[in-house]
Protein backbone atom coordinates (compact mmCIF):
# COMPACT_ATOMS: atom_id res chain seq x y z
CA MET A 1 94.37 53.51 -55.82
CA GLN A 2 91.76 55.85 -57.25
CA SER A 3 92.08 59.56 -56.70
CA ILE A 4 89.60 62.40 -56.87
CA GLU A 5 90.22 65.65 -58.72
CA ILE A 6 89.10 68.37 -56.31
CA GLN A 7 90.16 71.28 -58.47
CA LYS A 8 91.79 71.37 -61.87
CA GLY A 9 95.20 69.79 -61.36
CA VAL A 10 94.60 68.97 -57.66
CA ARG A 11 94.10 65.25 -57.05
CA VAL A 12 93.52 63.61 -53.67
CA GLY A 13 93.69 59.91 -53.00
CA PHE A 14 90.90 58.02 -51.25
CA GLU A 15 92.94 57.54 -48.04
CA GLU A 16 93.88 61.23 -48.01
CA LEU A 17 90.23 62.15 -48.37
CA LEU A 18 89.33 59.90 -45.43
CA ALA A 19 92.16 61.35 -43.36
CA GLY A 20 90.85 64.86 -44.10
CA ALA A 21 87.32 63.82 -43.15
CA ALA A 22 88.65 62.35 -39.89
CA GLN A 23 89.82 65.84 -38.92
CA MET A 24 86.34 67.33 -39.25
CA GLY A 25 84.20 68.08 -36.24
CA ASN A 26 81.19 65.86 -35.66
CA ALA A 27 78.65 68.35 -37.03
CA ASP A 28 80.62 68.92 -40.25
CA LEU A 29 81.30 65.20 -40.65
CA GLU A 30 77.56 64.49 -40.29
CA LYS A 31 76.75 67.11 -42.95
CA PHE A 32 79.42 65.63 -45.21
CA THR A 33 78.15 62.06 -44.83
CA ASP A 34 74.54 63.19 -45.28
CA ARG A 35 75.47 64.86 -48.57
CA LEU A 36 77.35 61.76 -49.68
CA SER A 37 74.34 59.59 -48.81
CA GLN A 38 72.05 61.87 -50.81
CA MET A 39 74.44 61.76 -53.76
CA LEU A 40 74.56 57.97 -53.64
CA ALA A 41 70.77 57.69 -53.37
CA ARG A 42 70.33 59.92 -56.46
CA ARG A 43 72.74 57.72 -58.41
CA LYS A 44 70.98 54.53 -57.35
CA THR A 45 67.52 55.85 -58.17
CA PRO A 46 67.14 55.95 -61.93
CA LYS A 47 65.53 58.97 -63.50
CA PRO A 48 61.87 58.18 -64.19
CA SER A 49 60.98 57.66 -67.84
CA GLU A 50 58.55 59.98 -69.59
CA ARG A 51 55.85 57.31 -69.28
CA GLU A 52 56.47 56.95 -65.53
CA LEU A 53 56.10 60.72 -65.13
CA GLU A 54 52.79 60.62 -67.05
CA LEU A 55 51.54 57.81 -64.84
CA LEU A 56 52.61 59.60 -61.66
CA LYS A 57 50.72 62.69 -62.81
CA LYS A 58 47.57 60.61 -63.29
CA ILE A 59 48.03 58.88 -59.94
CA TYR A 60 48.32 62.13 -58.01
CA GLU A 61 45.63 63.96 -59.99
CA PRO A 62 42.53 64.23 -57.80
CA LEU A 63 38.95 64.36 -58.94
CA LYS A 64 38.05 67.96 -59.79
CA VAL A 65 37.20 69.88 -56.63
CA SER A 66 33.90 71.10 -58.05
CA THR A 67 32.91 67.55 -59.01
CA GLN A 68 33.85 66.23 -55.56
CA LYS A 69 31.93 69.00 -53.78
CA LYS A 70 28.80 68.43 -55.86
CA TYR A 71 29.08 64.66 -55.34
CA ASP A 72 29.42 65.14 -51.57
CA LEU A 73 26.43 67.50 -51.47
CA LEU A 74 24.19 65.18 -53.46
CA GLN A 75 25.36 62.12 -51.53
CA ALA A 76 24.40 63.87 -48.28
CA LYS A 77 20.98 64.68 -49.73
CA LEU A 78 20.58 61.05 -50.76
CA LEU A 79 21.41 59.88 -47.24
CA ASP A 80 18.95 62.24 -45.60
CA GLU A 81 16.34 61.42 -48.26
CA SER A 82 15.93 65.02 -49.43
CA ILE A 83 17.24 64.48 -52.95
CA SER A 84 15.04 65.36 -55.93
CA HIS A 85 14.68 63.17 -59.00
CA ALA A 86 16.84 65.56 -61.09
CA GLU A 87 19.50 65.66 -58.36
CA HIS A 88 19.48 61.87 -58.18
CA GLU A 89 20.09 61.67 -61.94
CA GLU A 90 22.96 64.16 -61.54
CA LEU A 91 24.38 62.09 -58.69
CA MET A 92 24.33 58.96 -60.87
CA THR A 93 26.29 60.86 -63.54
CA LEU A 94 28.79 62.00 -60.93
CA VAL A 95 29.13 58.43 -59.65
CA GLU A 96 30.02 57.33 -63.18
CA THR A 97 32.55 60.17 -63.44
CA ALA A 98 34.14 59.25 -60.11
CA GLU A 99 34.23 55.56 -61.00
CA SER A 100 35.85 56.33 -64.35
CA HIS A 101 38.45 58.48 -62.57
CA ASN A 102 39.15 55.66 -60.11
CA VAL A 103 39.50 53.11 -62.91
CA GLU A 104 42.07 55.34 -64.66
CA TRP A 105 43.88 55.80 -61.32
CA LEU A 106 44.04 52.06 -60.77
CA LYS A 107 45.20 51.38 -64.34
CA SER A 108 47.99 53.93 -63.85
CA VAL A 109 49.02 52.35 -60.54
CA VAL A 110 49.10 48.86 -62.05
CA GLU A 111 51.08 49.99 -65.11
CA LEU A 112 53.61 51.89 -63.01
CA ALA A 113 54.04 48.88 -60.72
CA ARG A 114 54.64 46.72 -63.80
CA LEU A 115 57.18 49.18 -65.22
CA ARG A 116 59.04 49.25 -61.92
CA ALA A 117 58.70 45.48 -61.47
CA VAL A 118 57.18 45.79 -57.99
CA ALA A 119 53.94 44.64 -56.41
CA VAL A 120 51.10 47.18 -56.39
CA GLU A 121 51.17 47.22 -52.57
CA ASP A 122 54.90 48.02 -52.62
CA LEU A 123 54.39 50.79 -55.16
CA LEU A 124 51.65 52.35 -53.02
CA THR A 125 54.05 52.27 -50.06
CA GLN A 126 56.82 53.88 -52.15
CA LEU A 127 54.42 56.63 -53.22
CA GLY A 128 53.11 57.16 -49.70
CA LEU A 129 49.61 56.11 -50.74
CA ASP A 130 49.37 52.91 -48.71
CA GLN A 131 47.63 54.55 -45.75
CA GLN A 132 44.86 56.25 -47.69
CA ALA A 133 42.02 54.71 -49.62
CA LYS A 134 41.26 56.03 -53.07
CA PRO A 135 37.80 57.64 -53.07
């Protein structure tokens, strides 16, 4: 039977460890099992590769706030038909910028899904992005 070294020179067998845990109060036993579950989850989840970290950075990187604000302002002017010709040209440039950003976002999502060998929909769920649409 396997034993666990608790301190240098102090080894406890698996059954002894369980017997000790059985003596804990419910609150302490819950804390203990929660910590064990967290430890097991960390071991089961491999550390992301450098490429995965790069892709995650791209996925969570929003369009620049200033670009988004200007886009929103000009889009509102377009909708209420108060946009000037120069503003319309600027809006078209911002549309291209936003589309380019979205294409890079989608490429990153697809590559990360491929690296993790999961469907894109599953990856979006894992990342908590399944409920929001990409602008």
